[in-house]
Amino acid sequence: MDKETGILYSASWDKTFKVWQPDHSKCVESVKAHDDAVNSVVATTGAMIYTGSADGTVKAWRREQKGKSYKHTPTRTLLTQESAVTALAVSDADRVVYSGSSDGVVNFWEAERHGGVLRGHKLAVLCLAVAGRLVMSGSADKTICVWRREVDTCAHTCLSVLTGHTGPVKCLAVERDREREEKWVVYSGSLDKSVKVWTVECVGGGGGGHAAGGVPV
């Protein structure tokens, strides 16, 4: 969902993404976006939308409002590769876009300039979540990698690999711990039919840092 407008986006295997007005349960636009299934769509502040597809591309779109209707125009293709794009996440505050792929790699862009790749998984990246300078990637290899983006640099450090699921990790959600500012609570859902709750703590800004914790619900 786009926080600025309240509109909802959905991605589909029919190669489109759709724009919905939740108040009226109405589809206000259908966009033919890719040459294969659209696996992920994310909205950011500043009216930018990003889509990732099984055709191996990540595309950027700009939203324009005309009266009560919307129009989405492609602005550029950020990524073209053979492996399917399986997940997207954005950090609005830092204008960083992350994409996960079926080859286990996470690509990222800062202000739509390619910053590099994160390699920590043996199988497909199925989900991503961003919390502050932390990025979590869940994979078909049953693990969750916790990455920290360093200040004023493109470098990312893998703080921890969370293990405990016995099936692919399909979804992630994150919220800040209510008692401690530097802690985050991570929820992970897996095809092993479980949801687990992890406490992730980021300590230090340079070389020091760690992520720890995890109990099943």
Protein backbone atom coordinates (compact mmCIF):
# COMPACT_ATOMS: atom_id res chain seq x y z
CA MET A 1 0.00 0.00 0.00
CA ASP A 2 1.16 3.53 -0.75
CA LYS A 3 1.12 5.54 2.48
CA GLU A 4 0.78 8.90 0.74
CA THR A 5 -2.33 8.12 -1.27
CA GLY A 6 -3.79 5.07 0.48
CA ILE A 7 -4.00 3.17 -2.80
CA LEU A 8 -3.12 -0.51 -2.93
CA TYR A 9 -0.92 -2.31 -5.47
CA SER A 10 -1.10 -5.97 -6.44
CA ALA A 11 1.24 -8.09 -8.58
CA SER A 12 0.00 -10.90 -10.78
CA TRP A 13 1.12 -13.86 -12.85
CA ASP A 14 -0.87 -12.34 -15.73
CA LYS A 15 2.16 -10.00 -16.27
CA THR A 16 0.38 -6.96 -14.84
CA PHE A 17 0.27 -4.94 -11.68
CA LYS A 18 -2.99 -3.38 -10.62
CA VAL A 19 -3.90 -0.23 -8.71
CA TRP A 20 -6.80 -0.41 -6.25
CA GLN A 21 -8.85 2.12 -4.32
CA PRO A 22 -9.54 0.18 -1.08
CA ASP A 23 -12.34 2.53 0.00
CA HIS A 24 -14.38 1.50 -3.02
CA SER A 25 -12.89 -1.98 -3.65
CA LYS A 26 -12.28 -0.77 -7.18
CA CYS A 27 -9.42 -1.38 -9.61
CA VAL A 28 -8.52 2.04 -11.01
CA GLU A 29 -5.70 0.95 -13.32
CA SER A 30 -4.22 -2.25 -14.78
CA VAL A 31 -0.66 -1.97 -16.12
CA LYS A 32 0.88 -4.46 -18.54
CA ALA A 33 4.30 -4.35 -16.93
CA HIS A 34 6.46 -7.34 -17.88
CA ASP A 35 6.92 -10.24 -20.28
CA ASP A 36 6.36 -12.82 -17.52
CA ALA A 37 4.75 -13.06 -14.08
CA VAL A 38 5.08 -10.01 -11.84
CA ASN A 39 6.33 -11.46 -8.56
CA SER A 40 6.63 -8.30 -6.49
CA VAL A 41 5.60 -4.64 -6.43
CA VAL A 42 6.58 -1.95 -3.91
CA ALA A 43 5.60 1.71 -3.59
CA THR A 44 7.88 4.43 -2.23
CA THR A 45 7.52 8.05 -1.23
CA GLY A 46 7.82 10.44 -4.13
CA ALA A 47 5.32 8.55 -6.33
CA MET A 48 7.79 5.87 -7.45
CA ILE A 49 6.80 2.24 -7.93
CA TYR A 50 9.12 -0.74 -8.51
CA THR A 51 8.18 -4.10 -9.99
CA GLY A 52 10.11 -7.36 -10.18
CA SER A 53 9.32 -10.17 -12.58
CA ALA A 54 10.04 -13.74 -13.55
CA ASP A 55 11.36 -12.26 -16.81
CA GLY A 56 14.47 -11.22 -14.83
CA THR A 57 13.85 -7.47 -14.78
CA VAL A 58 13.25 -4.80 -12.17
CA LYS A 59 11.41 -1.75 -13.51
CA ALA A 60 10.80 1.72 -12.08
CA TRP A 61 7.48 3.51 -12.64
CA ARG A 62 6.29 7.02 -11.88
CA ARG A 63 2.75 7.61 -10.68
CA GLU A 64 0.74 10.59 -11.89
CA GLN A 65 -2.71 11.51 -10.66
CA LYS A 66 -5.24 12.98 -13.04
CA GLY A 67 -8.39 13.86 -11.17
CA LYS A 68 -9.58 10.69 -9.50
CA SER A 69 -7.57 8.42 -11.80
CA TYR A 70 -3.92 7.38 -11.87
CA LYS A 71 -1.44 6.72 -14.63
CA HIS A 72 1.83 4.83 -14.22
CA THR A 73 4.62 5.44 -16.70
CA PRO A 74 7.85 3.37 -16.89
CA THR A 75 10.96 5.46 -16.26
CA ARG A 76 13.76 2.92 -16.50
CA THR A 77 14.75 -0.74 -16.17
CA LEU A 78 17.09 -1.18 -13.21
CA LEU A 79 17.99 -4.83 -13.80
CA THR A 80 17.99 -7.32 -16.66
CA GLN A 81 19.15 -10.86 -15.94
CA GLU A 82 18.36 -14.50 -16.63
CA SER A 83 17.30 -15.36 -13.07
CA ALA A 84 13.76 -14.52 -12.00
CA VAL A 85 13.27 -11.59 -9.64
CA THR A 86 11.39 -13.01 -6.68
CA ALA A 87 11.24 -10.25 -4.04
CA LEU A 88 11.54 -6.48 -3.59
CA ALA A 89 11.92 -4.12 -0.64
CA VAL A 90 12.70 -0.42 -0.26
CA SER A 91 14.14 1.89 2.36
CA ASP A 92 12.27 5.15 1.83
CA ALA A 93 14.50 7.18 4.14
CA ASP A 94 17.69 6.29 2.25
CA ARG A 95 16.23 5.74 -1.24
CA VAL A 96 17.63 2.21 -1.40
CA VAL A 97 15.87 -0.51 -3.45
CA TYR A 98 16.59 -4.21 -2.88
CA SER A 99 15.69 -7.14 -5.15
CA GLY A 100 16.03 -10.84 -4.45
CA SER A 101 16.44 -13.42 -7.20
CA SER A 102 16.01 -17.12 -7.84
CA ASP A 103 19.80 -17.48 -7.96
CA GLY A 104 20.07 -16.51 -4.27
CA VAL A 105 21.50 -13.04 -4.92
CA VAL A 106 20.24 -9.70 -3.59
CA ASN A 107 20.89 -6.65 -5.79
CA PHE A 108 20.54 -3.12 -4.45
CA TRP A 109 20.37 0.42 -5.81
CA GLU A 110 20.89 3.79 -4.13
CA ALA A 111 18.99 6.61 -5.82
CA GLU A 112 18.48 4.15 -8.73
CA ARG A 113 22.23 3.67 -9.18
CA HIS A 114 23.36 0.05 -8.82
CA GLY A 115 25.26 -0.32 -5.56
CA GLY A 116 26.23 -3.99 -5.65
CA VAL A 117 25.10 -7.49 -4.74
CA LEU A 118 24.71 -9.42 -1.49
CA ARG A 119 25.61 -13.10 -1.59
CA GLY A 120 24.57 -15.12 1.42
CA HIS A 121 22.09 -17.74 0.24
CA LYS A 122 22.45 -21.08 -1.50
CA LEU A 123 18.94 -21.05 -2.99
CA ALA A 124 16.36 -18.52 -4.14
CA VAL A 125 15.64 -15.39 -2.11
CA LEU A 126 11.88 -15.50 -1.51
CA CYS A 127 11.29 -12.43 0.67
CA LEU A 128 12.93 -9.22 1.87
CA ALA A 129 12.30 -6.73 4.66
CA VAL A 130 13.98 -3.44 5.57
CA ALA A 131 14.22 -1.89 9.04
CA GLY A 132 16.38 1.18 9.40
CA ARG A 133 19.83 0.21 8.12
CA LEU A 134 19.05 -3.50 8.50
CA VAL A 135 17.94 -5.72 5.63
CA MET A 136 16.56 -9.23 6.13
CA SER A 137 16.47 -11.80 3.31
CA GLY A 138 14.54 -15.06 3.59
CA SER A 139 15.37 -17.95 1.33
CA ALA A 140 14.42 -21.36 0.02
CA ASP A 141 17.57 -22.56 1.80
CA LYS A 142 15.54 -22.21 5.06
CA THR A 143 17.66 -19.36 6.47
CA ILE A 144 17.31 -15.62 7.07
CA CYS A 145 20.34 -13.41 6.48
CA VAL A 146 20.53 -10.16 8.45
CA TRP A 147 22.52 -7.44 6.67
CA ARG A 148 23.54 -3.99 7.86
CA ARG A 149 24.15 -1.13 5.43
CA GLU A 150 27.09 0.96 6.57
CA VAL A 151 26.76 4.74 6.94
CA ASP A 152 27.76 6.81 3.89
CA THR A 153 28.84 3.76 1.89
CA CYS A 154 27.38 1.04 -0.31
CA ALA A 155 28.98 -1.66 1.85
CA HIS A 156 26.74 -4.21 3.57
CA THR A 157 27.82 -6.52 6.38
CA CYS A 158 26.15 -9.85 7.13
CA LEU A 159 25.59 -9.67 10.88
CA SER A 160 23.94 -13.04 11.34
CA VAL A 161 22.28 -15.99 9.64
CA LEU A 162 19.12 -17.02 11.48
CA THR A 163 18.42 -20.74 11.36
CA GLY A 164 15.54 -22.72 12.78
CA HIS A 165 13.04 -23.19 9.99
CA THR A 166 12.83 -26.61 8.34
CA GLY A 167 11.26 -25.28 5.13
CA PRO A 168 11.68 -22.32 2.75
CA VAL A 169 11.18 -18.90 4.35
CA LYS A 170 8.36 -17.29 2.36
CA CYS A 171 7.57 -14.03 4.17
CA LEU A 172 9.09 -11.52 6.58
CA ALA A 173 7.74 -8.61 8.62
CA VAL A 174 9.62 -6.29 10.98
CA GLU A 175 8.69 -3.85 13.75
CA ARG A 176 10.78 -1.85 16.21
CA ASP A 177 11.05 -3.24 19.73
CA ARG A 178 8.89 -1.16 22.08
CA GLU A 179 11.43 -1.21 24.89
CA ARG A 180 14.77 -0.71 23.13
CA GLU A 181 15.41 1.57 20.15
CA GLU A 182 18.25 -0.51 18.68
CA LYS A 183 16.25 -3.75 18.71
CA TRP A 184 13.84 -5.05 16.09
CA VAL A 185 11.28 -7.85 16.19
CA VAL A 186 11.30 -9.98 13.03
CA TYR A 187 8.45 -12.32 12.11
CA SER A 188 9.14 -15.09 9.59
CA GLY A 189 6.68 -17.44 7.91
CA SER A 190 7.79 -20.70 6.35
CA LEU A 191 6.50 -23.59 4.29
CA ASP A 192 7.30 -25.72 7.35
CA LYS A 193 3.91 -24.37 8.61
CA SER A 194 5.46 -22.28 11.38
CA VAL A 195 5.85 -18.61 12.21
CA LYS A 196 8.92 -17.64 14.21
CA VAL A 197 9.70 -14.46 16.12
CA TRP A 198 13.27 -13.20 16.26
CA THR A 199 14.84 -10.41 18.28
CA VAL A 200 17.42 -8.65 16.14
CA GLU A 201 19.79 -6.15 17.68
CA CYS A 202 22.18 -3.87 15.81
CA VAL A 203 25.09 -2.66 17.92
CA GLY A 204 27.78 -0.26 16.69
CA GLY A 205 28.08 1.61 13.41
CA GLY A 206 31.51 0.61 12.15
CA GLY A 207 32.82 -2.89 12.57
CA GLY A 208 30.78 -3.80 15.64
CA GLY A 209 27.34 -5.30 15.33
CA HIS A 210 25.38 -8.42 15.92
CA ALA A 211 21.98 -9.96 15.43
CA ALA A 212 20.63 -12.53 17.82
CA GLY A 213 17.60 -14.27 19.24
CA GLY A 214 14.66 -16.28 17.99
CA VAL A 215 11.75 -18.19 19.46
CA PRO A 216 8.93 -19.98 17.62
CA VAL A 217 5.37 -18.80 18.05
